[in-house]
Amino acid sequence: MVNELVEAADEKQLNKTIARYGRVDLLCIDELGYMELDRHGAELLFQVLTGREETNSVAIASNESFGGWTKTFTDPRLCAAIVDRLTFNGTIIETGTDFYRLASTRARAEEPAKAG
């Protein structure tokens, strides 16, 4: 998504792209915190989140705590602003520290081998 926003900004289509992300009922962002974003990309993501604030829902999945997001959003003020936007009137659901894929793989490995 951030790559698309950067390209849209370069092509003078940023407002159109942000508006498109603003129209969906639920914007799902998976693995936030996985990759470091440069300042420009983080600012563009902030614009999308700000545009959706109090109008449309955002669901974010992350294996990183908010404190760890400073590795993704390297500007501490921008990171704090993004966390503020996401948590204001929001619901935080913590599912634990185990990774779903890892737990699923382990469960399959523990199943007895089926005779065939």
PDB file of N, CA and C in Angstrom:
ATOM      1  N   MET A   1       0.819  -1.179   0.000  1.00  0.00           N
ATOM      2  CA  MET A   1       0.000   0.000   0.000  1.00  0.00           C
ATOM      3  C   MET A   1       0.869   1.251   0.000  1.00  0.00           C
ATOM      4  N   VAL A   2       1.905   1.236   0.824  1.00  0.00           N
ATOM      5  CA  VAL A   2       2.787   2.398   0.889  1.00  0.00           C
ATOM      6  C   VAL A   2       3.490   2.608  -0.455  1.00  0.00           C
ATOM      7  N   ASN A   3       3.913   1.523  -1.096  1.00  0.00           N
ATOM      8  CA  ASN A   3       4.531   1.661  -2.422  1.00  0.00           C
ATOM      9  C   ASN A   3       3.564   2.299  -3.410  1.00  0.00           C
ATOM     10  N   GLU A   4       2.302   1.884  -3.358  1.00  0.00           N
ATOM     11  CA  GLU A   4       1.288   2.466  -4.245  1.00  0.00           C
ATOM     12  C   GLU A   4       1.108   3.955  -3.951  1.00  0.00           C
ATOM     13  N   LEU A   5       1.119   4.324  -2.687  1.00  0.00           N
ATOM     14  CA  LEU A   5       0.973   5.730  -2.323  1.00  0.00           C
ATOM     15  C   LEU A   5       2.149   6.561  -2.820  1.00  0.00           C
ATOM     16  N   VAL A   6       3.354   6.024  -2.691  1.00  0.00           N
ATOM     17  CA  VAL A   6       4.547   6.733  -3.166  1.00  0.00           C
ATOM     18  C   VAL A   6       4.467   6.929  -4.687  1.00  0.00           C
ATOM     19  N   GLU A   7       4.088   5.869  -5.410  1.00  0.00           N
ATOM     20  CA  GLU A   7       3.947   5.981  -6.864  1.00  0.00           C
ATOM     21  C   GLU A   7       2.868   6.986  -7.238  1.00  0.00           C
ATOM     22  N   ALA A   8       1.753   6.969  -6.510  1.00  0.00           N
ATOM     23  CA  ALA A   8       0.670   7.915  -6.785  1.00  0.00           C
ATOM     24  C   ALA A   8       1.135   9.347  -6.553  1.00  0.00           C
ATOM     25  N   ALA A   9       1.931   9.564  -5.512  1.00  0.00           N
ATOM     26  CA  ALA A   9       2.456  10.902  -5.243  1.00  0.00           C
ATOM     27  C   ALA A   9       3.371  11.349  -6.381  1.00  0.00           C
ATOM     28  N   ASP A  10       4.200  10.439  -6.860  1.00  0.00           N
ATOM     29  CA  ASP A  10       5.108  10.761  -7.958  1.00  0.00           C
ATOM     30  C   ASP A  10       4.344  11.097  -9.243  1.00  0.00           C
ATOM     31  N   GLU A  11       3.190  10.453  -9.427  1.00  0.00           N
ATOM     32  CA  GLU A  11       2.385  10.647 -10.639  1.00  0.00           C
ATOM     33  C   GLU A  11       1.290  11.698 -10.446  1.00  0.00           C
ATOM     34  N   LYS A  12       1.356  12.446  -9.355  1.00  0.00           N
ATOM     35  CA  LYS A  12       0.367  13.487  -9.046  1.00  0.00           C
ATOM     36  C   LYS A  12      -1.049  12.919  -8.952  1.00  0.00           C
ATOM     37  N   GLN A  13      -1.171  11.693  -8.444  1.00  0.00           N
ATOM     38  CA  GLN A  13      -2.468  11.036  -8.277  1.00  0.00           C
ATOM     39  C   GLN A  13      -2.747  10.698  -6.801  1.00  0.00           C
ATOM     40  N   LEU A  14      -2.031  11.344  -5.890  1.00  0.00           N
ATOM     41  CA  LEU A  14      -2.124  10.981  -4.484  1.00  0.00           C
ATOM     42  C   LEU A  14      -3.525  11.200  -3.916  1.00  0.00           C
ATOM     43  N   ASN A  15      -4.133  12.346  -4.198  1.00  0.00           N
ATOM     44  CA  ASN A  15      -5.466  12.616  -3.659  1.00  0.00           C
ATOM     45  C   ASN A  15      -6.474  11.567  -4.109  1.00  0.00           C
ATOM     46  N   LYS A  16      -6.374  11.165  -5.347  1.00  0.00           N
ATOM     47  CA  LYS A  16      -7.282  10.138  -5.894  1.00  0.00           C
ATOM     48  C   LYS A  16      -7.067   8.802  -5.177  1.00  0.00           C
ATOM     49  N   THR A  17      -5.823   8.439  -4.957  1.00  0.00           N
ATOM     50  CA  THR A  17      -5.500   7.165  -4.304  1.00  0.00           C
ATOM     51  C   THR A  17      -5.925   7.183  -2.836  1.00  0.00           C
ATOM     52  N   ILE A  18      -5.666   8.273  -2.138  1.00  0.00           N
ATOM     53  CA  ILE A  18      -6.089   8.386  -0.745  1.00  0.00           C
ATOM     54  C   ILE A  18      -7.613   8.335  -0.650  1.00  0.00           C
ATOM     55  N   ALA A  19      -8.293   8.983  -1.584  1.00  0.00           N
ATOM     56  CA  ALA A  19      -9.761   8.962  -1.587  1.00  0.00           C
ATOM     57  C   ALA A  19     -10.281   7.542  -1.795  1.00  0.00           C
ATOM     58  N   ARG A  20      -9.612   6.777  -2.651  1.00  0.00           N
ATOM     59  CA  ARG A  20     -10.028   5.384  -2.881  1.00  0.00           C
ATOM     60  C   ARG A  20      -9.896   4.569  -1.606  1.00  0.00           C
ATOM     61  N   TYR A  21      -8.792   4.741  -0.893  1.00  0.00           N
ATOM     62  CA  TYR A  21      -8.623   4.039   0.380  1.00  0.00           C
ATOM     63  C   TYR A  21      -9.618   4.552   1.427  1.00  0.00           C
ATOM     64  N   GLY A  22     -10.066   5.767   1.273  1.00  0.00           N
ATOM     65  CA  GLY A  22     -11.033   6.329   2.206  1.00  0.00           C
ATOM     66  C   GLY A  22     -12.444   5.819   2.005  1.00  0.00           C
ATOM     67  N   ARG A  23     -12.750   5.292   0.829  1.00  0.00           N
ATOM     68  CA  ARG A  23     -14.108   4.839   0.525  1.00  0.00           C
ATOM     69  C   ARG A  23     -14.421   3.428   0.996  1.00  0.00           C
ATOM     70  N   VAL A  24     -13.427   2.602   1.216  1.00  0.00           N
ATOM     71  CA  VAL A  24     -13.720   1.230   1.631  1.00  0.00           C
ATOM     72  C   VAL A  24     -14.215   1.231   3.072  1.00  0.00           C
ATOM     73  N   ASP A  25     -15.158   0.335   3.375  1.00  0.00           N
ATOM     74  CA  ASP A  25     -15.733   0.289   4.717  1.00  0.00           C
ATOM     75  C   ASP A  25     -14.710  -0.127   5.771  1.00  0.00           C
ATOM     76  N   LEU A  26     -13.873  -1.073   5.417  1.00  0.00           N
ATOM     77  CA  LEU A  26     -12.871  -1.580   6.356  1.00  0.00           C
ATOM     78  C   LEU A  26     -11.546  -1.718   5.631  1.00  0.00           C
ATOM     79  N   LEU A  27     -10.553  -1.004   6.100  1.00  0.00           N
ATOM     80  CA  LEU A  27      -9.202  -1.099   5.549  1.00  0.00           C
ATOM     81  C   LEU A  27      -8.409  -2.030   6.460  1.00  0.00           C
ATOM     82  N   CYS A  28      -7.938  -3.132   5.909  1.00  0.00           N
ATOM     83  CA  CYS A  28      -7.161  -4.118   6.683  1.00  0.00           C
ATOM     84  C   CYS A  28      -5.693  -4.003   6.303  1.00  0.00           C
ATOM     85  N   ILE A  29      -4.866  -3.840   7.295  1.00  0.00           N
ATOM     86  CA  ILE A  29      -3.420  -3.762   7.089  1.00  0.00           C
ATOM     87  C   ILE A  29      -2.793  -4.877   7.909  1.00  0.00           C
ATOM     88  N   ASP A  30      -2.156  -5.796   7.227  1.00  0.00           N
ATOM     89  CA  ASP A  30      -1.559  -6.950   7.894  1.00  0.00           C
ATOM     90  C   ASP A  30      -0.053  -6.743   8.021  1.00  0.00           C
ATOM     91  N   GLU A  31       0.495  -7.244   9.107  1.00  0.00           N
ATOM     92  CA  GLU A  31       1.942  -7.234   9.356  1.00  0.00           C
ATOM     93  C   GLU A  31       2.532  -5.838   9.485  1.00  0.00           C
ATOM     94  N   LEU A  32       1.758  -4.886  10.029  1.00  0.00           N
ATOM     95  CA  LEU A  32       2.332  -3.573  10.283  1.00  0.00           C
ATOM     96  C   LEU A  32       3.411  -3.738  11.348  1.00  0.00           C
ATOM     97  N   GLY A  33       4.520  -3.130  11.130  1.00  0.00           N
ATOM     98  CA  GLY A  33       5.635  -3.275  12.049  1.00  0.00           C
ATOM     99  C   GLY A  33       6.677  -4.252  11.546  1.00  0.00           C
ATOM    100  N   TYR A  34       6.382  -4.913  10.443  1.00  0.00           N
ATOM    101  CA  TYR A  34       7.307  -5.904   9.898  1.00  0.00           C
ATOM    102  C   TYR A  34       8.460  -5.239   9.146  1.00  0.00           C
ATOM    103  N   MET A  35       8.150  -4.180   8.408  1.00  0.00           N
ATOM    104  CA  MET A  35       9.171  -3.528   7.591  1.00  0.00           C
ATOM    105  C   MET A  35       9.320  -2.066   7.996  1.00  0.00           C
ATOM    106  N   GLU A  36      10.531  -1.570   7.918  1.00  0.00           N
ATOM    107  CA  GLU A  36      10.794  -0.162   8.189  1.00  0.00           C
ATOM    108  C   GLU A  36      10.305   0.668   7.012  1.00  0.00           C
ATOM    109  N   LEU A  37       9.598   1.749   7.320  1.00  0.00           N
ATOM    110  CA  LEU A  37       9.126   2.664   6.277  1.00  0.00           C
ATOM    111  C   LEU A  37       9.981   3.925   6.306  1.00  0.00           C
ATOM    112  N   ASP A  38      10.311   4.439   5.127  1.00  0.00           N
ATOM    113  CA  ASP A  38      11.012   5.714   5.119  1.00  0.00           C
ATOM    114  C   ASP A  38      10.032   6.807   5.535  1.00  0.00           C
ATOM    115  N   ARG A  39      10.550   7.963   5.841  1.00  0.00           N
ATOM    116  CA  ARG A  39       9.708   9.042   6.371  1.00  0.00           C
ATOM    117  C   ARG A  39       8.575   9.384   5.410  1.00  0.00           C
ATOM    118  N   HIS A  40       8.867   9.475   4.121  1.00  0.00           N
ATOM    119  CA  HIS A  40       7.854   9.847   3.135  1.00  0.00           C
ATOM    120  C   HIS A  40       6.728   8.809   3.104  1.00  0.00           C
ATOM    121  N   GLY A  41       7.083   7.529   3.070  1.00  0.00           N
ATOM    122  CA  GLY A  41       6.073   6.474   3.058  1.00  0.00           C
ATOM    123  C   GLY A  41       5.226   6.481   4.318  1.00  0.00           C
ATOM    124  N   ALA A  42       5.869   6.703   5.463  1.00  0.00           N
ATOM    125  CA  ALA A  42       5.142   6.754   6.730  1.00  0.00           C
ATOM    126  C   ALA A  42       4.189   7.949   6.759  1.00  0.00           C
ATOM    127  N   GLU A  43       4.618   9.077   6.224  1.00  0.00           N
ATOM    128  CA  GLU A  43       3.752  10.252   6.181  1.00  0.00           C
ATOM    129  C   GLU A  43       2.545  10.012   5.275  1.00  0.00           C
ATOM    130  N   LEU A  44       2.746   9.301   4.174  1.00  0.00           N
ATOM    131  CA  LEU A  44       1.629   8.996   3.277  1.00  0.00           C
ATOM    132  C   LEU A  44       0.634   8.051   3.948  1.00  0.00           C
ATOM    133  N   LEU A  45       1.138   7.055   4.658  1.00  0.00           N
ATOM    134  CA  LEU A  45       0.258   6.153   5.400  1.00  0.00           C
ATOM    135  C   LEU A  45      -0.516   6.938   6.458  1.00  0.00           C
ATOM    136  N   PHE A  46       0.143   7.863   7.121  1.00  0.00           N
ATOM    137  CA  PHE A  46      -0.512   8.718   8.106  1.00  0.00           C
ATOM    138  C   PHE A  46      -1.658   9.493   7.466  1.00  0.00           C
ATOM    139  N   GLN A  47      -1.467   9.979   6.255  1.00  0.00           N
ATOM    140  CA  GLN A  47      -2.531  10.707   5.554  1.00  0.00           C
ATOM    141  C   GLN A  47      -3.744   9.814   5.320  1.00  0.00           C
ATOM    142  N   VAL A  48      -3.503   8.571   4.934  1.00  0.00           N
ATOM    143  CA  VAL A  48      -4.614   7.640   4.718  1.00  0.00           C
ATOM    144  C   VAL A  48      -5.362   7.411   6.025  1.00  0.00           C
ATOM    145  N   LEU A  49      -4.622   7.155   7.094  1.00  0.00           N
ATOM    146  CA  LEU A  49      -5.254   6.888   8.388  1.00  0.00           C
ATOM    147  C   LEU A  49      -6.005   8.112   8.899  1.00  0.00           C
ATOM    148  N   THR A  50      -5.439   9.281   8.708  1.00  0.00           N
ATOM    149  CA  THR A  50      -6.097  10.510   9.130  1.00  0.00           C
ATOM    150  C   THR A  50      -7.376  10.738   8.334  1.00  0.00           C
ATOM    151  N   GLY A  51      -7.337  10.438   7.048  1.00  0.00           N
ATOM    152  CA  GLY A  51      -8.515  10.598   6.205  1.00  0.00           C
ATOM    153  C   GLY A  51      -9.657   9.676   6.599  1.00  0.00           C
ATOM    154  N   ARG A  52      -9.346   8.561   7.221  1.00  0.00           N
ATOM    155  CA  ARG A  52     -10.366   7.591   7.628  1.00  0.00           C
ATOM    156  C   ARG A  52     -10.828   7.812   9.071  1.00  0.00           C
ATOM    157  N   GLU A  53     -10.120   8.647   9.792  1.00  0.00           N
ATOM    158  CA  GLU A  53     -10.381   8.831  11.218  1.00  0.00           C
ATOM    159  C   GLU A  53     -11.841   9.206  11.464  1.00  0.00           C
ATOM    160  N   GLU A  54     -12.468   8.460  12.352  1.00  0.00           N
ATOM    161  CA  GLU A  54     -13.843   8.680  12.799  1.00  0.00           C
ATOM    162  C   GLU A  54     -14.883   8.534  11.693  1.00  0.00           C
ATOM    163  N   THR A  55     -14.518   8.005  10.537  1.00  0.00           N
ATOM    164  CA  THR A  55     -15.505   7.795   9.474  1.00  0.00           C
ATOM    165  C   THR A  55     -15.565   6.339   9.030  1.00  0.00           C
ATOM    166  N   ASN A  56     -14.424   5.702   8.885  1.00  0.00           N
ATOM    167  CA  ASN A  56     -14.363   4.319   8.433  1.00  0.00           C
ATOM    168  C   ASN A  56     -13.413   3.534   9.318  1.00  0.00           C
ATOM    169  N   SER A  57     -13.603   2.231   9.337  1.00  0.00           N
ATOM    170  CA  SER A  57     -12.820   1.368  10.227  1.00  0.00           C
ATOM    171  C   SER A  57     -11.491   0.960   9.614  1.00  0.00           C
ATOM    172  N   VAL A  58     -10.538   0.722  10.507  1.00  0.00           N
ATOM    173  CA  VAL A  58      -9.221   0.211  10.137  1.00  0.00           C
ATOM    174  C   VAL A  58      -8.917  -0.968  11.048  1.00  0.00           C
ATOM    175  N   ALA A  59      -8.488  -2.071  10.468  1.00  0.00           N
ATOM    176  CA  ALA A  59      -8.042  -3.227  11.242  1.00  0.00           C
ATOM    177  C   ALA A  59      -6.564  -3.427  10.936  1.00  0.00           C
ATOM    178  N   ILE A  60      -5.769  -3.494  11.978  1.00  0.00           N
ATOM    179  CA  ILE A  60      -4.326  -3.652  11.816  1.00  0.00           C
ATOM    180  C   ILE A  60      -3.899  -4.920  12.543  1.00  0.00           C
ATOM    181  N   ALA A  61      -3.122  -5.729  11.875  1.00  0.00           N
ATOM    182  CA  ALA A  61      -2.521  -6.898  12.511  1.00  0.00           C
ATOM    183  C   ALA A  61      -1.022  -6.652  12.596  1.00  0.00           C
ATOM    184  N   SER A  62      -0.482  -6.922  13.777  1.00  0.00           N
ATOM    185  CA  SER A  62       0.945  -6.704  13.976  1.00  0.00           C
ATOM    186  C   SER A  62       1.449  -7.661  15.036  1.00  0.00           C
ATOM    187  N   ASN A  63       2.632  -8.185  14.830  1.00  0.00           N
ATOM    188  CA  ASN A  63       3.293  -9.004  15.842  1.00  0.00           C
ATOM    189  C   ASN A  63       4.156  -8.143  16.753  1.00  0.00           C
ATOM    190  N   GLU A  64       4.147  -6.851  16.511  1.00  0.00           N
ATOM    191  CA  GLU A  64       4.985  -5.909  17.251  1.00  0.00           C
ATOM    192  C   GLU A  64       4.107  -5.066  18.165  1.00  0.00           C
ATOM    193  N   SER A  65       4.564  -4.823  19.376  1.00  0.00           N
ATOM    194  CA  SER A  65       3.842  -3.927  20.285  1.00  0.00           C
ATOM    195  C   SER A  65       3.971  -2.497  19.772  1.00  0.00           C
ATOM    196  N   PHE A  66       3.111  -1.613  20.276  1.00  0.00           N
ATOM    197  CA  PHE A  66       3.193  -0.213  19.859  1.00  0.00           C
ATOM    198  C   PHE A  66       4.580   0.357  20.114  1.00  0.00           C
ATOM    199  N   GLY A  67       5.200  -0.031  21.215  1.00  0.00           N
ATOM    200  CA  GLY A  67       6.542   0.445  21.524  1.00  0.00           C
ATOM    201  C   GLY A  67       7.557   0.052  20.467  1.00  0.00           C
ATOM    202  N   GLY A  68       7.347  -1.086  19.825  1.00  0.00           N
ATOM    203  CA  GLY A  68       8.248  -1.551  18.780  1.00  0.00           C
ATOM    204  C   GLY A  68       8.014  -0.900  17.434  1.00  0.00           C
ATOM    205  N   TRP A  69       6.921  -0.164  17.304  1.00  0.00           N
ATOM    206  CA  TRP A  69       6.622   0.472  16.020  1.00  0.00           C
ATOM    207  C   TRP A  69       7.604   1.585  15.688  1.00  0.00           C
ATOM    208  N   THR A  70       8.418   1.996  16.636  1.00  0.00           N
ATOM    209  CA  THR A  70       9.416   3.022  16.337  1.00  0.00           C
ATOM    210  C   THR A  70      10.468   2.495  15.360  1.00  0.00           C
ATOM    211  N   LYS A  71      10.538   1.172  15.197  1.00  0.00           N
ATOM    212  CA  LYS A  71      11.435   0.604  14.186  1.00  0.00           C
ATOM    213  C   LYS A  71      10.815   0.744  12.795  1.00  0.00           C
ATOM    214  N   THR A  72       9.499   0.749  12.720  1.00  0.00           N
ATOM    215  CA  THR A  72       8.801   0.909  11.442  1.00  0.00           C
ATOM    216  C   THR A  72       8.672   2.381  11.083  1.00  0.00           C
ATOM    217  N   PHE A  73       8.209   3.165  12.050  1.00  0.00           N
ATOM    218  CA  PHE A  73       8.049   4.608  11.872  1.00  0.00           C
ATOM    219  C   PHE A  73       9.182   5.280  12.639  1.00  0.00           C
ATOM    220  N   THR A  74      10.264   5.568  11.954  1.00  0.00           N
ATOM    221  CA  THR A  74      11.487   5.974  12.632  1.00  0.00           C
ATOM    222  C   THR A  74      11.413   7.361  13.259  1.00  0.00           C
ATOM    223  N   ASP A  75      10.446   8.172  12.869  1.00  0.00           N
ATOM    224  CA  ASP A  75      10.245   9.471  13.507  1.00  0.00           C
ATOM    225  C   ASP A  75       9.330   9.242  14.712  1.00  0.00           C
ATOM    226  N   PRO A  76       9.842   9.446  15.929  1.00  0.00           N
ATOM    227  CA  PRO A  76       9.039   9.167  17.130  1.00  0.00           C
ATOM    228  C   PRO A  76       7.734   9.958  17.196  1.00  0.00           C
ATOM    229  N   ARG A  77       7.741  11.204  16.744  1.00  0.00           N
ATOM    230  CA  ARG A  77       6.510  12.006  16.770  1.00  0.00           C
ATOM    231  C   ARG A  77       5.483  11.459  15.800  1.00  0.00           C
ATOM    232  N   LEU A  78       5.924  11.053  14.615  1.00  0.00           N
ATOM    233  CA  LEU A  78       5.011  10.481  13.629  1.00  0.00           C
ATOM    234  C   LEU A  78       4.470   9.151  14.132  1.00  0.00           C
ATOM    235  N   CYS A  79       5.325   8.355  14.738  1.00  0.00           N
ATOM    236  CA  CYS A  79       4.897   7.077  15.306  1.00  0.00           C
ATOM    237  C   CYS A  79       3.825   7.306  16.366  1.00  0.00           C
ATOM    238  N   ALA A  80       4.052   8.252  17.255  1.00  0.00           N
ATOM    239  CA  ALA A  80       3.078   8.556  18.306  1.00  0.00           C
ATOM    240  C   ALA A  80       1.760   9.044  17.714  1.00  0.00           C
ATOM    241  N   ALA A  81       1.834   9.837  16.665  1.00  0.00           N
ATOM    242  CA  ALA A  81       0.620  10.345  16.024  1.00  0.00           C
ATOM    243  C   ALA A  81      -0.172   9.209  15.368  1.00  0.00           C
ATOM    244  N   ILE A  82       0.520   8.268  14.746  1.00  0.00           N
ATOM    245  CA  ILE A  82      -0.153   7.129  14.116  1.00  0.00           C
ATOM    246  C   ILE A  82      -0.808   6.255  15.178  1.00  0.00           C
ATOM    247  N   VAL A  83      -0.095   5.963  16.247  1.00  0.00           N
ATOM    248  CA  VAL A  83      -0.668   5.161  17.331  1.00  0.00           C
ATOM    249  C   VAL A  83      -1.874   5.882  17.923  1.00  0.00           C
ATOM    250  N   ASP A  84      -1.766   7.189  18.095  1.00  0.00           N
ATOM    251  CA  ASP A  84      -2.876   7.975  18.621  1.00  0.00           C
ATOM    252  C   ASP A  84      -4.101   7.872  17.717  1.00  0.00           C
ATOM    253  N   ARG A  85      -3.911   8.001  16.417  1.00  0.00           N
ATOM    254  CA  ARG A  85      -5.028   7.909  15.464  1.00  0.00           C
ATOM    255  C   ARG A  85      -5.689   6.531  15.517  1.00  0.00           C
ATOM    256  N   LEU A  86      -4.867   5.498  15.607  1.00  0.00           N
ATOM    257  CA  LEU A  86      -5.406   4.137  15.573  1.00  0.00           C
ATOM    258  C   LEU A  86      -6.092   3.732  16.873  1.00  0.00           C
ATOM    259  N   THR A  87      -5.647   4.273  17.978  1.00  0.00           N
ATOM    260  CA  THR A  87      -6.188   3.828  19.260  1.00  0.00           C
ATOM    261  C   THR A  87      -7.332   4.695  19.769  1.00  0.00           C
ATOM    262  N   PHE A  88      -7.479   5.904  19.271  1.00  0.00           N
ATOM    263  CA  PHE A  88      -8.555   6.781  19.721  1.00  0.00           C
ATOM    264  C   PHE A  88      -9.897   6.177  19.321  1.00  0.00           C
ATOM    265  N   ASN A  89     -10.739   5.910  20.291  1.00  0.00           N
ATOM    266  CA  ASN A  89     -12.053   5.271  20.076  1.00  0.00           C
ATOM    267  C   ASN A  89     -11.925   3.908  19.407  1.00  0.00           C
ATOM    268  N   GLY A  90     -10.771   3.290  19.526  1.00  0.00           N
ATOM    269  CA  GLY A  90     -10.550   1.987  18.911  1.00  0.00           C
ATOM    270  C   GLY A  90     -10.608   0.866  19.930  1.00  0.00           C
ATOM    271  N   THR A  91     -10.526  -0.329  19.425  1.00  0.00           N
ATOM    272  CA  THR A  91     -10.486  -1.518  20.264  1.00  0.00           C
ATOM    273  C   THR A  91      -9.193  -2.254  19.967  1.00  0.00           C
ATOM    274  N   ILE A  92      -8.450  -2.567  21.011  1.00  0.00           N
ATOM    275  CA  ILE A  92      -7.201  -3.302  20.847  1.00  0.00           C
ATOM    276  C   ILE A  92      -7.454  -4.732  21.293  1.00  0.00           C
ATOM    277  N   ILE A  93      -7.161  -5.663  20.419  1.00  0.00           N
ATOM    278  CA  ILE A  93      -7.344  -7.081  20.716  1.00  0.00           C
ATOM    279  C   ILE A  93      -5.975  -7.735  20.699  1.00  0.00           C
ATOM    280  N   GLU A  94      -5.549  -8.215  21.849  1.00  0.00           N
ATOM    281  CA  GLU A  94      -4.279  -8.926  21.919  1.00  0.00           C
ATOM    282  C   GLU A  94      -4.563 -10.417  21.852  1.00  0.00           C
ATOM    283  N   THR A  95      -3.920 -11.080  20.920  1.00  0.00           N
ATOM    284  CA  THR A  95      -4.165 -12.508  20.728  1.00  0.00           C
ATOM    285  C   THR A  95      -3.057 -13.371  21.316  1.00  0.00           C
ATOM    286  N   GLY A  96      -2.084 -12.757  21.928  1.00  0.00           N
ATOM    287  CA  GLY A  96      -0.982 -13.525  22.499  1.00  0.00           C
ATOM    288  C   GLY A  96       0.273 -13.357  21.691  1.00  0.00           C
ATOM    289  N   THR A  97       1.289 -14.057  22.124  1.00  0.00           N
ATOM    290  CA  THR A  97       2.592 -13.897  21.475  1.00  0.00           C
ATOM    291  C   THR A  97       2.908 -15.006  20.485  1.00  0.00           C
ATOM    292  N   ASP A  98       2.103 -16.066  20.470  1.00  0.00           N
ATOM    293  CA  ASP A  98       2.362 -17.156  19.531  1.00  0.00           C
ATOM    294  C   ASP A  98       1.924 -16.771  18.127  1.00  0.00           C
ATOM    295  N   PHE A  99       2.705 -17.147  17.171  1.00  0.00           N
ATOM    296  CA  PHE A  99       2.361 -16.927  15.779  1.00  0.00           C
ATOM    297  C   PHE A  99       1.370 -18.004  15.337  1.00  0.00           C
ATOM    298  N   TYR A 100       0.310 -17.602  14.651  1.00  0.00           N
ATOM    299  CA  TYR A 100      -0.716 -18.540  14.208  1.00  0.00           C
ATOM    300  C   TYR A 100      -0.123 -19.629  13.320  1.00  0.00           C
ATOM    301  N   ARG A 101       0.669 -19.253  12.330  1.00  0.00           N
ATOM    302  CA  ARG A 101       1.218 -20.240  11.392  1.00  0.00           C
ATOM    303  C   ARG A 101       2.119 -21.240  12.114  1.00  0.00           C
ATOM    304  N   LEU A 102       2.928 -20.749  13.043  1.00  0.00           N
ATOM    305  CA  LEU A 102       3.814 -21.625  13.794  1.00  0.00           C
ATOM    306  C   LEU A 102       3.000 -22.585  14.662  1.00  0.00           C
ATOM    307  N   ALA A 103       1.981 -22.076  15.345  1.00  0.00           N
ATOM    308  CA  ALA A 103       1.141 -22.927  16.187  1.00  0.00           C
ATOM    309  C   ALA A 103       0.415 -23.975  15.340  1.00  0.00           C
ATOM    310  N   SER A 104      -0.055 -23.586  14.165  1.00  0.00           N
ATOM    311  CA  SER A 104      -0.746 -24.511  13.270  1.00  0.00           C
ATOM    312  C   SER A 104       0.199 -25.609  12.789  1.00  0.00           C
ATOM    313  N   THR A 105       1.407 -25.240  12.449  1.00  0.00           N
ATOM    314  CA  THR A 105       2.403 -26.215  12.002  1.00  0.00           C
ATOM    315  C   THR A 105       2.741 -27.195  13.119  1.00  0.00           C
ATOM    316  N   ARG A 106       2.907 -26.672  14.308  1.00  0.00           N
ATOM    317  CA  ARG A 106       3.209 -27.534  15.454  1.00  0.00           C
ATOM    318  C   ARG A 106       2.059 -28.494  15.731  1.00  0.00           C
ATOM    319  N   ALA A 107       0.826 -28.014  15.630  1.00  0.00           N
ATOM    320  CA  ALA A 107      -0.337 -28.868  15.876  1.00  0.00           C
ATOM    321  C   ALA A 107      -0.402 -29.995  14.848  1.00  0.00           C
ATOM    322  N   ARG A 108      -0.121 -29.678  13.598  1.00  0.00           N
ATOM    323  CA  ARG A 108      -0.143 -30.707  12.544  1.00  0.00           C
ATOM    324  C   ARG A 108       0.963 -31.734  12.786  1.00  0.00           C
ATOM    325  N   ALA A 109       2.111 -31.266  13.248  1.00  0.00           N
ATOM    326  CA  ALA A 109       3.236 -32.169  13.488  1.00  0.00           C
ATOM    327  C   ALA A 109       2.943 -33.139  14.643  1.00  0.00           C
ATOM    328  N   GLU A 110       2.114 -32.702  15.574  1.00  0.00           N
ATOM    329  CA  GLU A 110       1.781 -33.537  16.718  1.00  0.00           C
ATOM    330  C   GLU A 110       0.662 -34.532  16.438  1.00  0.00           C
ATOM    331  N   GLU A 111      -0.057 -34.354  15.307  1.00  0.00           N
ATOM    332  CA  GLU A 111      -1.120 -35.288  14.961  1.00  0.00           C
ATOM    333  C   GLU A 111      -0.496 -36.646  14.605  1.00  0.00           C
ATOM    334  N   PRO A 112      -1.138 -37.722  15.037  1.00  0.00           N
ATOM    335  CA  PRO A 112      -0.610 -39.034  14.673  1.00  0.00           C
ATOM    336  C   PRO A 112      -0.686 -39.222  13.153  1.00  0.00           C
ATOM    337  N   ALA A 113       0.313 -39.869  12.630  1.00  0.00           N
ATOM    338  CA  ALA A 113       0.336 -40.133  11.182  1.00  0.00           C
ATOM    339  C   ALA A 113      -0.851 -41.015  10.822  1.00  0.00           C
ATOM    340  N   LYS A 114      -1.534 -40.631   9.758  1.00  0.00           N
ATOM    341  CA  LYS A 114      -2.706 -41.401   9.335  1.00  0.00           C
ATOM    342  C   LYS A 114      -2.241 -42.549   8.428  1.00  0.00           C
ATOM    343  N   ALA A 115      -2.755 -43.710   8.720  1.00  0.00           N
ATOM    344  CA  ALA A 115      -2.415 -44.880   7.908  1.00  0.00           C
ATOM    345  C   ALA A 115      -3.151 -44.764   6.587  1.00  0.00           C
ATOM    346  N   GLY A 116      -2.518 -45.075   5.553  1.00  0.00           N
ATOM    347  CA  GLY A 116      -3.179 -44.898   4.275  1.00  0.00           C
ATOM    348  C   GLY A 116      -3.029 -46.044   3.457  1.00  0.00           C
TER     349      GLY A 116
END
